[in-house]
Amino acid sequence: MATVLSVSGSPSASSRTSRLLRHLDERLTAQGHDVIPLDVRTIPAEALLGADFRHPAIVEATDLFARADGVVVGTPVYKASYSGVLKALLDLLPQYALTGKTVLPLATGGSVAHVLAIDYALRPVLTSMGAAHTVQGWFTLDKDITVHDDGSLTVAPAAAEALTQVVDQFSTALGRTPLLAVAC
């Protein structure tokens, strides 16, 4: 069983990005992985913006990255790049915090104009941090993610199929053969 750190880089408590990640966490858990969710927005702003490497929340986040075999990084796209709160956290991690880890980059956004943000903004940073293997990422349009009044989530069929494929590729890269054939 691999340990997966699932990092949401959304600054919003009601984020579709975070909800989508927690939805995908369920699939990874069902495949036998131990998934640890991390919502960057819950780290105190003074620790992130003050670059307080010794703040207990930063130390804990650093430890979570160190313990993980794989990392899923999800972010909303703002101005063709990943979120500032995610950047603040990544800047505080050790330079090679992803060494030896398999990484799955995911992004959400309102327009296909931002689809390349994964490859041109996020992937280079993850690679520079030593990721052993960065699997194919996926960009999901906001309109393809529906959050219902009861908190449940529905992903449009084509997006769900694509997400299933990238999550299963990530799971396989972690050394586990996906057990589920059910779509996300």
N, C-alpha and C. Protein backbone atom coordinates (compact mmCIF):
# COMPACT_ATOMS: atom_id res chain seq x y z
N MET A 1 0.85 -1.18 0.00
CA MET A 1 0.00 0.00 0.00
C MET A 1 0.89 1.24 0.00
N ALA A 2 0.65 2.13 -0.94
CA ALA A 2 1.39 3.39 -1.02
C ALA A 2 0.68 4.45 -0.19
N THR A 3 1.46 5.38 0.32
CA THR A 3 0.90 6.54 1.00
C THR A 3 0.87 7.68 0.00
N VAL A 4 -0.32 8.25 -0.18
CA VAL A 4 -0.52 9.33 -1.14
C VAL A 4 -0.92 10.59 -0.40
N LEU A 5 -0.20 11.67 -0.64
CA LEU A 5 -0.57 12.98 -0.12
C LEU A 5 -1.36 13.69 -1.20
N SER A 6 -2.59 14.07 -0.88
CA SER A 6 -3.48 14.72 -1.84
C SER A 6 -3.61 16.19 -1.46
N VAL A 7 -2.93 17.04 -2.22
CA VAL A 7 -2.78 18.45 -1.86
C VAL A 7 -3.72 19.32 -2.69
N SER A 8 -4.60 20.04 -2.01
CA SER A 8 -5.46 21.01 -2.68
C SER A 8 -4.87 22.39 -2.51
N GLY A 9 -4.55 23.02 -3.63
CA GLY A 9 -4.00 24.36 -3.63
C GLY A 9 -5.04 25.44 -3.78
N SER A 10 -6.28 25.14 -3.45
CA SER A 10 -7.33 26.14 -3.58
C SER A 10 -7.44 26.98 -2.31
N PRO A 11 -7.59 28.29 -2.46
CA PRO A 11 -7.76 29.13 -1.29
C PRO A 11 -9.20 29.15 -0.76
N SER A 12 -10.12 28.52 -1.46
CA SER A 12 -11.54 28.58 -1.13
C SER A 12 -12.02 27.33 -0.40
N ALA A 13 -12.81 27.53 0.64
CA ALA A 13 -13.38 26.42 1.40
C ALA A 13 -14.43 25.66 0.59
N SER A 14 -15.07 26.32 -0.36
CA SER A 14 -16.11 25.66 -1.15
C SER A 14 -15.62 25.34 -2.57
N SER A 15 -14.36 25.13 -2.70
CA SER A 15 -13.71 24.94 -3.99
C SER A 15 -14.12 23.66 -4.71
N ARG A 16 -14.37 23.76 -6.01
CA ARG A 16 -14.59 22.57 -6.83
C ARG A 16 -13.30 21.76 -6.92
N THR A 17 -12.17 22.45 -6.92
CA THR A 17 -10.88 21.76 -6.98
C THR A 17 -10.73 20.82 -5.78
N SER A 18 -10.96 21.34 -4.59
CA SER A 18 -10.83 20.53 -3.37
C SER A 18 -11.82 19.38 -3.38
N ARG A 19 -13.04 19.67 -3.76
CA ARG A 19 -14.06 18.62 -3.79
C ARG A 19 -13.71 17.53 -4.80
N LEU A 20 -13.17 17.94 -5.95
CA LEU A 20 -12.76 16.96 -6.96
C LEU A 20 -11.62 16.10 -6.41
N LEU A 21 -10.67 16.70 -5.75
CA LEU A 21 -9.57 15.93 -5.17
C LEU A 21 -10.08 14.93 -4.14
N ARG A 22 -10.98 15.36 -3.26
CA ARG A 22 -11.50 14.44 -2.26
C ARG A 22 -12.28 13.30 -2.92
N HIS A 23 -12.92 13.60 -4.04
CA HIS A 23 -13.63 12.58 -4.83
C HIS A 23 -12.63 11.56 -5.39
N LEU A 24 -11.51 12.05 -5.93
CA LEU A 24 -10.48 11.17 -6.47
C LEU A 24 -9.76 10.41 -5.36
N ASP A 25 -9.66 11.02 -4.19
CA ASP A 25 -9.07 10.33 -3.03
C ASP A 25 -9.81 9.04 -2.73
N GLU A 26 -11.13 9.08 -2.88
CA GLU A 26 -11.94 7.88 -2.63
C GLU A 26 -11.54 6.74 -3.57
N ARG A 27 -11.28 7.06 -4.81
CA ARG A 27 -10.86 6.05 -5.78
C ARG A 27 -9.50 5.46 -5.39
N LEU A 28 -8.58 6.33 -5.03
CA LEU A 28 -7.25 5.86 -4.63
C LEU A 28 -7.32 5.00 -3.36
N THR A 29 -8.16 5.39 -2.42
CA THR A 29 -8.35 4.61 -1.20
C THR A 29 -8.91 3.24 -1.54
N ALA A 30 -9.90 3.21 -2.43
CA ALA A 30 -10.50 1.93 -2.84
C ALA A 30 -9.49 1.03 -3.56
N GLN A 31 -8.46 1.64 -4.13
CA GLN A 31 -7.42 0.88 -4.80
C GLN A 31 -6.34 0.40 -3.84
N GLY A 32 -6.51 0.67 -2.56
CA GLY A 32 -5.60 0.17 -1.55
C GLY A 32 -4.56 1.15 -1.05
N HIS A 33 -4.65 2.39 -1.46
CA HIS A 33 -3.68 3.40 -1.01
C HIS A 33 -4.15 4.07 0.28
N ASP A 34 -3.21 4.50 1.07
CA ASP A 34 -3.49 5.30 2.25
C ASP A 34 -3.39 6.75 1.79
N VAL A 35 -4.53 7.47 1.78
CA VAL A 35 -4.57 8.83 1.25
C VAL A 35 -4.68 9.82 2.40
N ILE A 36 -3.79 10.80 2.38
CA ILE A 36 -3.79 11.86 3.39
C ILE A 36 -4.13 13.17 2.68
N PRO A 37 -5.29 13.77 2.99
CA PRO A 37 -5.65 15.04 2.36
C PRO A 37 -4.94 16.22 3.04
N LEU A 38 -4.52 17.18 2.24
CA LEU A 38 -3.94 18.41 2.76
C LEU A 38 -4.53 19.57 1.99
N ASP A 39 -5.31 20.40 2.67
CA ASP A 39 -5.85 21.61 2.08
C ASP A 39 -4.93 22.76 2.49
N VAL A 40 -4.19 23.30 1.54
CA VAL A 40 -3.19 24.33 1.85
C VAL A 40 -3.85 25.53 2.52
N ARG A 41 -5.10 25.81 2.19
CA ARG A 41 -5.78 26.96 2.77
C ARG A 41 -5.90 26.87 4.29
N THR A 42 -5.75 25.66 4.86
CA THR A 42 -5.85 25.51 6.31
C THR A 42 -4.55 25.84 7.03
N ILE A 43 -3.47 26.01 6.29
CA ILE A 43 -2.20 26.42 6.89
C ILE A 43 -2.29 27.92 7.18
N PRO A 44 -1.93 28.33 8.39
CA PRO A 44 -2.06 29.76 8.73
C PRO A 44 -1.33 30.66 7.73
N ALA A 45 -2.02 31.71 7.34
CA ALA A 45 -1.46 32.66 6.37
C ALA A 45 -0.15 33.26 6.85
N GLU A 46 -0.05 33.53 8.16
CA GLU A 46 1.19 34.14 8.66
C GLU A 46 2.38 33.20 8.48
N ALA A 47 2.14 31.90 8.52
CA ALA A 47 3.22 30.93 8.29
C ALA A 47 3.63 30.91 6.83
N LEU A 48 2.62 30.91 5.94
CA LEU A 48 2.90 30.87 4.50
C LEU A 48 3.52 32.17 4.01
N LEU A 49 2.87 33.28 4.31
CA LEU A 49 3.33 34.57 3.78
C LEU A 49 4.56 35.10 4.49
N GLY A 50 4.75 34.68 5.74
CA GLY A 50 5.92 35.10 6.49
C GLY A 50 7.11 34.16 6.30
N ALA A 51 6.93 33.14 5.46
CA ALA A 51 7.99 32.16 5.19
C ALA A 51 8.59 31.62 6.48
N ASP A 52 7.69 31.22 7.39
CA ASP A 52 8.11 30.71 8.69
C ASP A 52 8.34 29.20 8.60
N PHE A 53 9.53 28.80 8.22
CA PHE A 53 9.88 27.40 8.04
C PHE A 53 9.70 26.59 9.32
N ARG A 54 9.78 27.26 10.47
CA ARG A 54 9.69 26.56 11.76
C ARG A 54 8.28 26.52 12.32
N HIS A 55 7.33 27.14 11.65
CA HIS A 55 5.94 27.12 12.13
C HIS A 55 5.47 25.66 12.16
N PRO A 56 4.79 25.25 13.22
CA PRO A 56 4.36 23.85 13.33
C PRO A 56 3.56 23.35 12.12
N ALA A 57 2.75 24.20 11.52
CA ALA A 57 1.96 23.77 10.35
C ALA A 57 2.86 23.52 9.14
N ILE A 58 3.91 24.30 8.99
CA ILE A 58 4.86 24.11 7.88
C ILE A 58 5.70 22.86 8.14
N VAL A 59 6.12 22.68 9.37
CA VAL A 59 6.88 21.48 9.73
C VAL A 59 6.03 20.23 9.48
N GLU A 60 4.76 20.30 9.87
CA GLU A 60 3.86 19.15 9.65
C GLU A 60 3.66 18.88 8.15
N ALA A 61 3.44 19.93 7.36
CA ALA A 61 3.27 19.75 5.92
C ALA A 61 4.54 19.16 5.30
N THR A 62 5.68 19.62 5.72
CA THR A 62 6.96 19.09 5.22
C THR A 62 7.08 17.61 5.55
N ASP A 63 6.68 17.24 6.76
CA ASP A 63 6.71 15.83 7.17
C ASP A 63 5.75 14.99 6.34
N LEU A 64 4.58 15.54 6.02
CA LEU A 64 3.62 14.80 5.18
C LEU A 64 4.21 14.53 3.80
N PHE A 65 4.86 15.51 3.22
CA PHE A 65 5.51 15.31 1.92
C PHE A 65 6.60 14.25 2.03
N ALA A 66 7.36 14.29 3.10
CA ALA A 66 8.45 13.33 3.27
C ALA A 66 7.93 11.90 3.41
N ARG A 67 6.80 11.71 4.07
CA ARG A 67 6.22 10.38 4.31
C ARG A 67 5.55 9.80 3.07
N ALA A 68 5.15 10.64 2.16
CA ALA A 68 4.35 10.19 1.01
C ALA A 68 5.20 9.46 -0.03
N ASP A 69 4.60 8.42 -0.62
CA ASP A 69 5.20 7.74 -1.77
C ASP A 69 4.81 8.45 -3.05
N GLY A 70 3.62 9.04 -3.05
CA GLY A 70 3.10 9.75 -4.20
C GLY A 70 2.35 10.99 -3.74
N VAL A 71 2.27 11.97 -4.64
CA VAL A 71 1.60 13.23 -4.31
C VAL A 71 0.67 13.61 -5.47
N VAL A 72 -0.58 13.88 -5.13
CA VAL A 72 -1.52 14.46 -6.08
C VAL A 72 -1.58 15.94 -5.74
N VAL A 73 -1.33 16.78 -6.74
CA VAL A 73 -1.36 18.23 -6.53
C VAL A 73 -2.47 18.80 -7.40
N GLY A 74 -3.48 19.37 -6.76
CA GLY A 74 -4.59 19.96 -7.48
C GLY A 74 -4.66 21.45 -7.22
N THR A 75 -4.95 22.20 -8.27
CA THR A 75 -5.01 23.66 -8.13
C THR A 75 -6.04 24.25 -9.08
N PRO A 76 -6.71 25.30 -8.64
CA PRO A 76 -7.46 26.08 -9.62
C PRO A 76 -6.44 26.90 -10.41
N VAL A 77 -6.79 27.25 -11.63
CA VAL A 77 -5.90 28.06 -12.45
C VAL A 77 -6.37 29.51 -12.38
N TYR A 78 -5.42 30.37 -12.01
CA TYR A 78 -5.65 31.81 -11.96
C TYR A 78 -4.61 32.47 -12.84
N LYS A 79 -5.03 33.26 -13.81
CA LYS A 79 -4.12 33.98 -14.69
C LYS A 79 -3.06 33.06 -15.30
N ALA A 80 -3.53 31.91 -15.78
CA ALA A 80 -2.70 30.93 -16.50
C ALA A 80 -1.64 30.26 -15.63
N SER A 81 -1.84 30.24 -14.31
CA SER A 81 -0.88 29.57 -13.45
C SER A 81 -1.59 28.96 -12.25
N TYR A 82 -0.83 28.22 -11.46
CA TYR A 82 -1.40 27.61 -10.26
C TYR A 82 -1.60 28.69 -9.19
N SER A 83 -2.32 28.34 -8.15
CA SER A 83 -2.71 29.32 -7.14
C SER A 83 -1.53 29.84 -6.33
N GLY A 84 -1.67 31.03 -5.83
CA GLY A 84 -0.64 31.64 -5.00
C GLY A 84 -0.44 30.91 -3.68
N VAL A 85 -1.52 30.41 -3.10
CA VAL A 85 -1.39 29.70 -1.83
C VAL A 85 -0.59 28.41 -2.03
N LEU A 86 -0.77 27.75 -3.18
CA LEU A 86 0.03 26.55 -3.47
C LEU A 86 1.50 26.95 -3.67
N LYS A 87 1.74 28.04 -4.39
CA LYS A 87 3.12 28.50 -4.59
C LYS A 87 3.78 28.81 -3.26
N ALA A 88 3.04 29.46 -2.36
CA ALA A 88 3.61 29.80 -1.05
C ALA A 88 4.06 28.54 -0.32
N LEU A 89 3.25 27.47 -0.37
CA LEU A 89 3.64 26.23 0.29
C LEU A 89 4.84 25.59 -0.41
N LEU A 90 4.79 25.47 -1.72
CA LEU A 90 5.89 24.84 -2.45
C LEU A 90 7.21 25.58 -2.21
N ASP A 91 7.14 26.89 -2.08
CA ASP A 91 8.34 27.68 -1.81
C ASP A 91 8.95 27.37 -0.44
N LEU A 92 8.14 26.92 0.50
CA LEU A 92 8.62 26.65 1.85
C LEU A 92 9.10 25.21 2.05
N LEU A 93 8.81 24.35 1.09
CA LEU A 93 9.27 22.96 1.20
C LEU A 93 10.75 22.88 0.84
N PRO A 94 11.44 21.85 1.32
CA PRO A 94 12.83 21.67 0.90
C PRO A 94 12.93 21.58 -0.62
N GLN A 95 14.06 22.01 -1.17
CA GLN A 95 14.25 22.05 -2.62
C GLN A 95 13.90 20.73 -3.30
N TYR A 96 14.25 19.63 -2.67
CA TYR A 96 14.02 18.32 -3.29
C TYR A 96 12.98 17.51 -2.52
N ALA A 97 11.92 18.17 -2.10
CA ALA A 97 10.86 17.53 -1.31
C ALA A 97 10.14 16.42 -2.06
N LEU A 98 10.23 16.39 -3.38
CA LEU A 98 9.52 15.37 -4.17
C LEU A 98 10.45 14.28 -4.70
N THR A 99 11.68 14.27 -4.23
CA THR A 99 12.65 13.27 -4.71
C THR A 99 12.13 11.86 -4.45
N GLY A 100 12.13 11.06 -5.53
CA GLY A 100 11.71 9.68 -5.43
C GLY A 100 10.21 9.47 -5.43
N LYS A 101 9.45 10.53 -5.58
CA LYS A 101 7.98 10.43 -5.50
C LYS A 101 7.34 10.46 -6.90
N THR A 102 6.21 9.80 -6.99
CA THR A 102 5.38 9.87 -8.19
C THR A 102 4.38 10.98 -7.95
N VAL A 103 4.19 11.83 -8.95
CA VAL A 103 3.33 13.01 -8.78
C VAL A 103 2.28 13.06 -9.88
N LEU A 104 1.06 13.40 -9.48
CA LEU A 104 -0.05 13.60 -10.41
C LEU A 104 -0.51 15.05 -10.31
N PRO A 105 -0.25 15.88 -11.34
CA PRO A 105 -0.73 17.26 -11.33
C PRO A 105 -2.14 17.35 -11.93
N LEU A 106 -3.01 18.07 -11.24
CA LEU A 106 -4.38 18.29 -11.70
C LEU A 106 -4.70 19.77 -11.59
N ALA A 107 -5.55 20.25 -12.49
CA ALA A 107 -5.97 21.65 -12.43
C ALA A 107 -7.42 21.77 -12.85
N THR A 108 -8.05 22.81 -12.35
CA THR A 108 -9.42 23.15 -12.75
C THR A 108 -9.44 24.61 -13.17
N GLY A 109 -10.37 24.92 -14.04
CA GLY A 109 -10.48 26.31 -14.48
C GLY A 109 -11.70 26.53 -15.33
N GLY A 110 -11.98 27.78 -15.58
CA GLY A 110 -13.19 28.15 -16.29
C GLY A 110 -13.11 28.13 -17.80
N SER A 111 -11.90 27.98 -18.34
CA SER A 111 -11.74 28.07 -19.79
C SER A 111 -10.63 27.14 -20.26
N VAL A 112 -10.81 26.58 -21.45
CA VAL A 112 -9.77 25.74 -22.04
C VAL A 112 -8.52 26.56 -22.37
N ALA A 113 -8.62 27.87 -22.30
CA ALA A 113 -7.46 28.72 -22.53
C ALA A 113 -6.37 28.47 -21.48
N HIS A 114 -6.75 27.85 -20.36
CA HIS A 114 -5.81 27.60 -19.26
C HIS A 114 -5.29 26.17 -19.22
N VAL A 115 -5.63 25.37 -20.21
CA VAL A 115 -5.29 23.95 -20.17
C VAL A 115 -3.79 23.69 -20.10
N LEU A 116 -2.99 24.57 -20.64
CA LEU A 116 -1.54 24.36 -20.64
C LEU A 116 -0.86 24.78 -19.33
N ALA A 117 -1.63 25.29 -18.38
CA ALA A 117 -1.06 25.71 -17.10
C ALA A 117 -0.36 24.56 -16.40
N ILE A 118 -0.87 23.35 -16.57
CA ILE A 118 -0.22 22.20 -15.94
C ILE A 118 1.19 22.02 -16.50
N ASP A 119 1.31 22.01 -17.82
CA ASP A 119 2.60 21.72 -18.44
C ASP A 119 3.58 22.89 -18.42
N TYR A 120 3.07 24.12 -18.43
CA TYR A 120 3.97 25.27 -18.51
C TYR A 120 4.18 25.99 -17.18
N ALA A 121 3.33 25.75 -16.20
CA ALA A 121 3.50 26.41 -14.91
C ALA A 121 3.77 25.41 -13.78
N LEU A 122 2.91 24.40 -13.65
CA LEU A 122 3.01 23.49 -12.51
C LEU A 122 4.06 22.40 -12.67
N ARG A 123 4.06 21.71 -13.79
CA ARG A 123 4.98 20.58 -14.00
C ARG A 123 6.46 20.98 -13.83
N PRO A 124 6.91 22.13 -14.37
CA PRO A 124 8.33 22.48 -14.18
C PRO A 124 8.72 22.63 -12.71
N VAL A 125 7.82 23.18 -11.90
CA VAL A 125 8.12 23.35 -10.47
C VAL A 125 8.21 21.98 -9.80
N LEU A 126 7.26 21.10 -10.11
CA LEU A 126 7.25 19.76 -9.51
C LEU A 126 8.51 18.99 -9.91
N THR A 127 8.90 19.13 -11.16
CA THR A 127 10.11 18.45 -11.65
C THR A 127 11.35 19.02 -10.96
N SER A 128 11.41 20.32 -10.80
CA SER A 128 12.57 20.94 -10.15
C SER A 128 12.69 20.52 -8.69
N MET A 129 11.59 20.06 -8.11
CA MET A 129 11.60 19.60 -6.72
C MET A 129 11.96 18.13 -6.61
N GLY A 130 12.37 17.53 -7.73
CA GLY A 130 12.91 16.18 -7.69
C GLY A 130 11.94 15.06 -7.93
N ALA A 131 10.74 15.34 -8.39
CA ALA A 131 9.77 14.26 -8.63
C ALA A 131 10.39 13.18 -9.51
N ALA A 132 10.30 11.94 -9.04
CA ALA A 132 10.88 10.82 -9.78
C ALA A 132 10.10 10.57 -11.07
N HIS A 133 8.79 10.74 -10.97
CA HIS A 133 7.93 10.47 -12.13
C HIS A 133 6.70 11.36 -12.00
N THR A 134 6.50 12.22 -12.96
CA THR A 134 5.30 13.05 -12.99
C THR A 134 4.42 12.48 -14.08
N VAL A 135 3.32 11.84 -13.68
CA VAL A 135 2.43 11.22 -14.66
C VAL A 135 1.65 12.29 -15.39
N GLN A 136 0.99 11.87 -16.46
CA GLN A 136 0.17 12.80 -17.24
C GLN A 136 -0.85 13.46 -16.32
N GLY A 137 -0.90 14.76 -16.36
CA GLY A 137 -1.87 15.50 -15.56
C GLY A 137 -3.18 15.66 -16.31
N TRP A 138 -4.11 16.35 -15.66
CA TRP A 138 -5.39 16.57 -16.31
C TRP A 138 -5.98 17.89 -15.87
N PHE A 139 -6.56 18.62 -16.82
CA PHE A 139 -7.26 19.87 -16.59
C PHE A 139 -8.75 19.60 -16.73
N THR A 140 -9.52 19.98 -15.73
CA THR A 140 -10.97 19.78 -15.76
C THR A 140 -11.65 21.14 -15.74
N LEU A 141 -12.55 21.34 -16.68
CA LEU A 141 -13.32 22.58 -16.72
C LEU A 141 -14.28 22.65 -15.53
N ASP A 142 -14.41 23.84 -14.96
CA ASP A 142 -15.34 24.04 -13.85
C ASP A 142 -16.74 23.57 -14.19
N LYS A 143 -17.16 23.81 -15.44
CA LYS A 143 -18.52 23.44 -15.84
C LYS A 143 -18.74 21.93 -15.84
N ASP A 144 -17.67 21.15 -15.81
CA ASP A 144 -17.78 19.69 -15.79
C ASP A 144 -17.85 19.12 -14.38
N ILE A 145 -17.79 20.00 -13.38
CA ILE A 145 -17.84 19.59 -11.97
C ILE A 145 -19.09 20.20 -11.35
N THR A 146 -20.01 19.34 -10.92
CA THR A 146 -21.24 19.82 -10.29
C THR A 146 -21.26 19.39 -8.84
N VAL A 147 -21.39 20.36 -7.95
CA VAL A 147 -21.52 20.08 -6.53
C VAL A 147 -22.99 20.25 -6.19
N HIS A 148 -23.57 19.19 -5.64
CA HIS A 148 -24.99 19.19 -5.30
C HIS A 148 -25.22 19.74 -3.90
N ASP A 149 -26.46 20.09 -3.60
CA ASP A 149 -26.81 20.67 -2.30
C ASP A 149 -26.39 19.78 -1.13
N ASP A 150 -26.41 18.46 -1.33
CA ASP A 150 -26.03 17.54 -0.25
C ASP A 150 -24.52 17.36 -0.13
N GLY A 151 -23.76 18.09 -0.96
CA GLY A 151 -22.30 18.01 -0.91
C GLY A 151 -21.71 16.97 -1.85
N SER A 152 -22.56 16.15 -2.45
CA SER A 152 -22.05 15.14 -3.38
C SER A 152 -21.55 15.82 -4.66
N LEU A 153 -20.79 15.08 -5.42
CA LEU A 153 -20.15 15.63 -6.60
C LEU A 153 -20.46 14.78 -7.82
N THR A 154 -20.71 15.42 -8.92
CA THR A 154 -20.88 14.73 -10.20
C THR A 154 -19.89 15.34 -11.18
N VAL A 155 -19.19 14.47 -11.89
CA VAL A 155 -18.26 14.92 -12.92
C VAL A 155 -18.84 14.50 -14.26
N ALA A 156 -18.83 15.41 -15.24
CA ALA A 156 -19.36 15.11 -16.57
C ALA A 156 -18.69 13.84 -17.10
N PRO A 157 -19.44 13.01 -17.84
CA PRO A 157 -18.92 11.70 -18.27
C PRO A 157 -17.55 11.72 -18.96
N ALA A 158 -17.34 12.61 -19.90
CA ALA A 158 -16.05 12.62 -20.61
C ALA A 158 -14.91 12.99 -19.66
N ALA A 159 -15.15 13.96 -18.79
CA ALA A 159 -14.12 14.36 -17.81
C ALA A 159 -13.90 13.25 -16.81
N ALA A 160 -14.97 12.58 -16.38
CA ALA A 160 -14.84 11.47 -15.42
C ALA A 160 -14.00 10.35 -16.01
N GLU A 161 -14.22 10.05 -17.28
CA GLU A 161 -13.45 8.99 -17.93
C GLU A 161 -11.96 9.35 -17.99
N ALA A 162 -11.66 10.60 -18.35
CA ALA A 162 -10.27 11.05 -18.43
C ALA A 162 -9.62 11.03 -17.04
N LEU A 163 -10.35 11.49 -16.03
CA LEU A 163 -9.82 11.48 -14.67
C LEU A 163 -9.57 10.07 -14.18
N THR A 164 -10.46 9.15 -14.51
CA THR A 164 -10.26 7.75 -14.14
C THR A 164 -8.95 7.23 -14.74
N GLN A 165 -8.71 7.57 -15.98
CA GLN A 165 -7.49 7.11 -16.65
C GLN A 165 -6.23 7.67 -15.98
N VAL A 166 -6.21 8.97 -15.69
CA VAL A 166 -4.99 9.54 -15.11
C VAL A 166 -4.79 9.07 -13.67
N VAL A 167 -5.87 8.90 -12.93
CA VAL A 167 -5.74 8.39 -11.56
C VAL A 167 -5.25 6.95 -11.58
N ASP A 168 -5.77 6.16 -12.50
CA ASP A 168 -5.32 4.77 -12.60
C ASP A 168 -3.86 4.67 -13.07
N GLN A 169 -3.44 5.56 -13.96
CA GLN A 169 -2.02 5.60 -14.37
C GLN A 169 -1.14 5.96 -13.18
N PHE A 170 -1.59 6.91 -12.38
CA PHE A 170 -0.87 7.30 -11.17
C PHE A 170 -0.77 6.11 -10.21
N SER A 171 -1.88 5.43 -10.01
CA SER A 171 -1.90 4.26 -9.12
C SER A 171 -0.94 3.19 -9.61
N THR A 172 -0.95 2.94 -10.91
CA THR A 172 -0.04 1.95 -11.50
C THR A 172 1.42 2.39 -11.30
N ALA A 173 1.69 3.66 -11.49
CA ALA A 173 3.06 4.17 -11.31
C ALA A 173 3.53 4.03 -9.86
N LEU A 174 2.58 4.01 -8.94
CA LEU A 174 2.92 3.81 -7.53
C LEU A 174 3.20 2.35 -7.22
N GLY A 175 2.96 1.49 -8.22
CA GLY A 175 3.23 0.08 -8.02
C GLY A 175 2.02 -0.74 -7.67
N ARG A 176 0.84 -0.16 -7.87
CA ARG A 176 -0.40 -0.88 -7.59
C ARG A 176 -1.21 -0.96 -8.88
N THR A 177 -1.74 -2.10 -9.16
CA THR A 177 -2.62 -2.23 -10.31
C THR A 177 -4.01 -1.80 -9.87
N PRO A 178 -4.62 -0.84 -10.58
CA PRO A 178 -5.96 -0.39 -10.20
C PRO A 178 -6.94 -1.56 -10.13
N LEU A 179 -7.70 -1.59 -9.06
CA LEU A 179 -8.64 -2.69 -8.83
C LEU A 179 -10.03 -2.38 -9.35
N LEU A 180 -10.31 -1.11 -9.57
CA LEU A 180 -11.68 -0.71 -9.93
C LEU A 180 -11.79 -0.43 -11.43
N ALA A 181 -12.90 -0.81 -11.98
CA ALA A 181 -13.19 -0.46 -13.37
C ALA A 181 -14.29 0.57 -13.44
N VAL A 182 -14.76 1.04 -12.28
CA VAL A 182 -15.83 1.99 -12.19
C VAL A 182 -15.30 3.39 -12.48
N ALA A 183 -16.02 4.16 -13.26
CA ALA A 183 -15.61 5.52 -13.58
C ALA A 183 -15.71 6.40 -12.36
N CYS A 184 -14.88 7.45 -12.35
CA CYS A 184 -14.93 8.43 -11.26
C CYS A 184 -16.28 9.08 -11.31
